[in-house]
């Protein structure tokens, strides 16, 4: 038998595999980060962010401030985001196959080539949002149509917490997101679908518009923009820098440089 590895230095085992894994993943992450850097920073408040508990963090986002050095999204997080889009595409296909007339884009206007996601723009373009879809008709599941549709792909622990506690308690930022969508798109009900990435189980929650909550969230967004326009920063979510939300905030250093 010919020993093709004679004097090659090759050692069977995990060391080489680990090296190849690290090299490939670095290339993948570098490509995703380069792709990300071609996108202009946001200079508006997104509906998906208004439920964030720290108004100062939202002000930094609305101003298009870049994260502190070393705090920007890494390739691993970007891969999680992209995987979420793939899971969403699967859920869309499954719902349509089951007879739900789920629209994810507006019909193109006459004489126009494109359409686009359902969404809204207000406050001179400084508050915006795009919903994942609208179900305009479907099987009798005890829900009236049309209904907005929002989808999230969650890890097992997060998904199980959602199933146990419901959207408002378990995921208040997502709750706020759909409240804003319903208010501005004038559709009073949302079907919130969550996919367990570990098991592919699906959980669906019907969320009704809460006018008081929606108004409070809208007022919060406007107050943040007014503070930014006045050259002021809204209060932090906490005064102690070791508060858990502050420790992991991408603006932690910049925030603490401010006097209040």
Protein backbone atom coordinates (compact mmCIF):
# COMPACT_ATOMS: atom_id res chain seq x y z
CA UNK A 1 0.00 0.00 0.00
CA UNK A 2 1.33 3.42 -0.92
CA UNK A 3 1.50 5.89 1.96
CA UNK A 4 0.50 9.10 0.21
CA UNK A 5 1.09 11.06 3.38
CA UNK A 6 4.61 9.82 3.98
CA UNK A 7 6.79 12.68 5.26
CA UNK A 8 3.96 15.12 4.53
CA UNK A 9 3.58 16.26 8.11
CA UNK A 10 -0.17 15.58 7.91
CA UNK A 11 -1.68 14.37 11.17
CA UNK A 12 -5.11 12.77 11.24
CA UNK A 13 -7.44 14.44 13.73
CA UNK A 14 -9.19 17.69 14.46
CA UNK A 15 -6.36 20.20 14.23
CA UNK A 16 -6.43 20.63 10.47
CA UNK A 17 -10.23 20.60 10.39
CA UNK A 18 -10.31 23.35 12.98
CA UNK A 19 -7.85 25.37 10.97
CA UNK A 20 -9.87 25.04 7.78
CA UNK A 21 -13.09 25.91 9.64
CA UNK A 22 -11.60 29.07 11.08
CA UNK A 23 -10.17 30.15 7.73
CA UNK A 24 -13.39 29.56 5.80
CA UNK A 25 -15.55 31.23 8.44
CA UNK A 26 -13.24 34.24 8.50
CA UNK A 27 -13.64 34.60 4.74
CA UNK A 28 -17.42 34.26 5.03
CA UNK A 29 -17.60 36.80 7.83
CA UNK A 30 -15.32 39.23 6.00
CA UNK A 31 -17.55 39.00 2.93
CA UNK A 32 -20.70 39.64 4.98
CA UNK A 33 -19.09 42.56 6.78
CA UNK A 34 -17.90 44.07 3.50
CA UNK A 35 -21.42 43.71 2.15
CA UNK A 36 -22.80 45.37 5.27
CA UNK A 37 -20.42 48.31 4.95
CA UNK A 38 -21.81 49.18 1.53
CA UNK A 39 -25.17 49.95 3.15
CA UNK A 40 -25.60 53.52 4.37
CA UNK A 41 -26.25 53.90 8.10
CA UNK A 42 -29.83 54.54 9.12
CA UNK A 43 -30.80 58.10 9.85
CA UNK A 44 -34.34 57.34 11.00
CA UNK A 45 -36.21 55.43 13.68
CA UNK A 46 -37.37 52.04 12.48
CA UNK A 47 -40.65 50.63 13.78
CA UNK A 48 -38.78 47.49 14.79
CA UNK A 49 -36.69 49.54 17.21
CA UNK A 50 -39.16 51.90 18.91
CA UNK A 51 -39.85 49.37 21.68
CA UNK A 52 -36.18 49.51 22.72
CA UNK A 53 -36.26 50.60 26.40
CA UNK A 54 -33.36 53.08 26.16
CA UNK A 55 -34.38 56.33 24.49
CA UNK A 56 -30.78 57.51 24.34
CA UNK A 57 -29.77 54.46 22.34
CA UNK A 58 -32.61 55.18 19.93
CA UNK A 59 -31.43 58.77 19.61
CA UNK A 60 -27.96 57.58 18.61
CA UNK A 61 -29.55 55.27 16.05
CA UNK A 62 -31.74 58.05 14.66
CA UNK A 63 -28.65 60.23 14.23
CA UNK A 64 -26.85 57.48 12.31
CA UNK A 65 -24.09 57.31 14.92
CA UNK A 66 -21.64 54.47 14.36
CA UNK A 67 -21.13 51.92 17.17
CA UNK A 68 -18.19 52.21 19.55
CA UNK A 69 -14.96 50.65 18.30
CA UNK A 70 -15.19 46.88 18.55
CA UNK A 71 -18.95 46.96 19.17
CA UNK A 72 -20.24 46.71 15.60
CA UNK A 73 -22.16 43.65 14.44
CA UNK A 74 -19.84 40.78 13.63
CA UNK A 75 -20.11 38.18 10.90
CA UNK A 76 -21.72 35.62 13.19
CA UNK A 77 -24.61 37.96 14.00
CA UNK A 78 -25.01 38.80 10.31
CA UNK A 79 -25.27 35.09 9.54
CA UNK A 80 -28.02 34.78 12.14
CA UNK A 81 -29.89 37.65 10.47
CA UNK A 82 -29.59 36.06 7.03
CA UNK A 83 -30.71 32.68 8.34
CA UNK A 84 -33.78 34.41 9.76
CA UNK A 85 -34.70 35.59 6.27
CA UNK A 86 -34.39 32.03 4.96
CA UNK A 87 -36.67 30.69 7.70
CA UNK A 88 -39.15 33.48 6.91
CA UNK A 89 -39.20 32.42 3.25
CA UNK A 90 -40.00 28.86 4.31
CA UNK A 91 -42.86 29.98 6.55
CA UNK A 92 -44.27 32.09 3.73
CA UNK A 93 -44.26 29.07 1.41
CA UNK A 94 -45.89 26.84 4.02
CA UNK A 95 -48.66 29.35 4.78
CA UNK A 96 -49.41 29.86 1.10
CA UNK A 97 -49.48 26.12 0.51
CA UNK A 98 -52.04 25.85 3.33
CA UNK A 99 -54.35 28.31 1.59
CA UNK A 100 -53.41 31.62 3.18
CA UNK A 101 -53.33 34.49 0.68
CA UNK A 102 -50.19 36.06 2.08
CA UNK A 103 -48.89 39.09 0.22
CA UNK A 104 -45.35 40.24 0.94
CA UNK A 105 -45.19 43.05 -1.61
CA UNK A 106 -47.56 45.70 -2.86
CA UNK A 107 -48.90 45.26 -6.35
CA UNK A 108 -46.89 47.45 -8.74
CA UNK A 109 -48.60 50.66 -9.70
CA UNK A 110 -49.55 51.10 -13.37
CA UNK A 111 -46.58 52.09 -15.56
CA UNK A 112 -44.15 51.22 -12.75
CA UNK A 113 -41.83 48.25 -12.80
CA UNK A 114 -41.40 47.70 -9.08
CA UNK A 115 -43.57 47.23 -6.04
CA UNK A 116 -42.06 46.84 -2.59
CA UNK A 117 -42.82 45.75 0.95
CA UNK A 118 -45.87 46.98 2.77
CA UNK A 119 -44.81 49.81 5.02
CA UNK A 120 -45.24 53.37 6.17
CA UNK A 121 -43.23 56.57 6.36
CA UNK A 122 -44.04 59.48 8.65
CA UNK A 123 -42.40 62.46 10.36
CA UNK A 124 -40.80 63.57 7.08
CA UNK A 125 -39.23 60.16 6.59
CA UNK A 126 -37.70 59.98 10.06
CA UNK A 127 -39.98 57.21 11.32
CA UNK A 128 -40.43 54.20 9.04
CA UNK A 129 -41.45 50.59 9.08
CA UNK A 130 -41.96 47.61 6.80
CA UNK A 131 -44.16 44.67 7.74
CA UNK A 132 -43.29 41.15 6.61
CA UNK A 133 -46.64 40.71 4.93
CA UNK A 134 -50.42 40.99 4.88
CA UNK A 135 -52.80 38.03 4.84
CA UNK A 136 -55.79 39.19 2.81
CA UNK A 137 -57.74 35.92 2.91
CA UNK A 138 -57.38 32.42 4.24
CA UNK A 139 -58.92 29.39 5.91
CA UNK A 140 -61.32 29.79 8.82
CA UNK A 141 -59.02 29.80 11.83
CA UNK A 142 -61.06 32.19 13.95
CA UNK A 143 -59.31 35.26 12.59
CA UNK A 144 -60.74 38.03 10.44
CA UNK A 145 -58.91 39.17 7.33
CA UNK A 146 -56.99 41.22 6.40
CA UNK A 147 -54.35 40.80 9.08
CA UNK A 148 -50.77 41.98 9.15
CA UNK A 149 -48.19 39.20 9.35
CA UNK A 150 -44.90 39.38 11.19
CA UNK A 151 -42.39 36.54 11.43
CA UNK A 152 -39.45 35.83 13.71
CA UNK A 153 -37.08 32.86 13.87
CA UNK A 154 -36.01 32.20 17.46
CA UNK A 155 -33.72 29.80 19.26
CA UNK A 156 -35.39 27.14 21.39
CA UNK A 157 -35.16 28.95 24.73
CA UNK A 158 -36.47 32.22 23.34
CA UNK A 159 -39.27 30.45 21.45
CA UNK A 160 -40.35 28.48 24.51
CA UNK A 161 -40.44 31.67 26.59
CA UNK A 162 -42.66 33.28 23.96
CA UNK A 163 -45.05 30.31 23.96
CA UNK A 164 -45.22 30.39 27.76
CA UNK A 165 -45.61 34.12 28.35
CA UNK A 166 -47.03 35.56 25.14
CA UNK A 167 -45.61 38.29 22.94
CA UNK A 168 -46.20 41.35 25.13
CA UNK A 169 -44.41 39.94 28.17
CA UNK A 170 -41.79 37.80 26.47
CA UNK A 171 -40.83 40.06 23.55
CA UNK A 172 -41.90 43.67 24.33
CA UNK A 173 -39.83 45.09 21.46
CA UNK A 174 -41.65 42.87 18.96
CA UNK A 175 -44.95 43.77 20.62
CA UNK A 176 -44.18 47.45 20.15
CA UNK A 177 -43.16 46.82 16.55
CA UNK A 178 -46.50 45.31 15.56
CA UNK A 179 -48.46 47.93 17.53
CA UNK A 180 -46.77 50.67 15.49
CA UNK A 181 -47.41 48.79 12.24
CA UNK A 182 -51.09 48.30 13.02
CA UNK A 183 -51.57 51.93 13.98
CA UNK A 184 -49.88 53.44 10.93
CA UNK A 185 -51.13 50.87 8.41
CA UNK A 186 -54.66 51.02 9.83
CA UNK A 187 -55.05 47.25 10.19
CA UNK A 188 -56.15 46.36 13.75
CA UNK A 189 -54.90 42.77 13.93
CA UNK A 190 -51.58 40.99 13.38
CA UNK A 191 -50.78 37.31 13.08
CA UNK A 192 -47.37 36.95 14.72
CA UNK A 193 -45.61 33.73 13.67
CA UNK A 194 -42.50 32.46 15.43
CA UNK A 195 -40.42 29.54 14.21
CA UNK A 196 -38.26 27.48 16.55
CA UNK A 197 -34.94 27.23 14.72
CA UNK A 198 -33.98 24.10 16.63
CA UNK A 199 -37.13 22.07 15.95
CA UNK A 200 -38.98 23.96 13.17
CA UNK A 201 -42.07 24.15 15.40
CA UNK A 202 -44.29 27.14 14.68
CA UNK A 203 -46.20 29.26 17.17
CA UNK A 204 -48.82 31.77 16.06
CA UNK A 205 -50.25 34.54 18.22
CA UNK A 206 -53.07 36.88 17.28
CA UNK A 207 -52.21 40.41 18.40
CA UNK A 208 -54.88 43.08 18.55
CA UNK A 209 -54.18 46.79 18.22
CA UNK A 210 -53.93 48.54 21.58
CA UNK A 211 -54.57 52.21 20.68
CA UNK A 212 -53.15 53.52 23.97
CA UNK A 213 -49.93 51.52 23.62
CA UNK A 214 -49.56 52.50 19.98
CA UNK A 215 -50.05 56.18 20.79
CA UNK A 216 -47.54 56.05 23.64
CA UNK A 217 -44.96 54.44 21.37
CA UNK A 218 -45.56 57.02 18.64
CA UNK A 219 -45.23 59.83 21.20
CA UNK A 220 -41.98 58.29 22.43
CA UNK A 221 -40.53 58.26 18.91
CA UNK A 222 -41.53 61.88 18.29
CA UNK A 223 -40.04 62.97 21.64
CA UNK A 224 -36.73 61.33 20.73
CA UNK A 225 -36.61 63.13 17.39
CA UNK A 226 -37.47 66.43 19.05
CA UNK A 227 -34.62 65.95 21.52
CA UNK A 228 -32.21 65.19 18.68
CA UNK A 229 -33.33 68.31 16.80
CA UNK A 230 -32.75 70.39 19.93
CA UNK A 231 -29.21 69.04 20.27
CA UNK A 232 -30.14 67.10 23.39
CA UNK A 233 -29.91 63.46 24.34
CA UNK A 234 -32.82 61.68 26.04
CA UNK A 235 -32.24 60.00 29.41
CA UNK A 236 -30.40 56.69 29.60
CA UNK A 237 -32.29 53.56 30.52
CA UNK A 238 -30.16 53.35 33.70
CA UNK A 239 -27.64 55.47 35.58
CA UNK A 240 -25.35 52.59 36.54
CA UNK A 241 -22.90 51.63 33.76
CA UNK A 242 -22.99 47.99 34.86
CA UNK A 243 -26.73 47.72 34.19
CA UNK A 244 -27.13 44.70 31.92
CA UNK A 245 -28.53 46.63 28.95
CA UNK A 246 -25.72 49.17 29.23
CA UNK A 247 -22.96 46.58 29.43
CA UNK A 248 -23.88 45.16 26.04
CA UNK A 249 -24.83 48.43 24.33
CA UNK A 250 -22.87 49.33 21.21
CA UNK A 251 -22.90 53.00 22.29
CA UNK A 252 -21.81 52.41 25.91
CA UNK A 253 -18.54 54.36 25.73
CA UNK A 254 -19.99 57.29 23.81
CA UNK A 255 -22.98 57.41 26.13
CA UNK A 256 -20.82 57.61 29.25
CA UNK A 257 -18.79 60.43 27.74
CA UNK A 258 -21.92 62.58 28.01
CA UNK A 259 -22.38 64.57 31.20
CA UNK A 260 -25.88 63.29 31.96
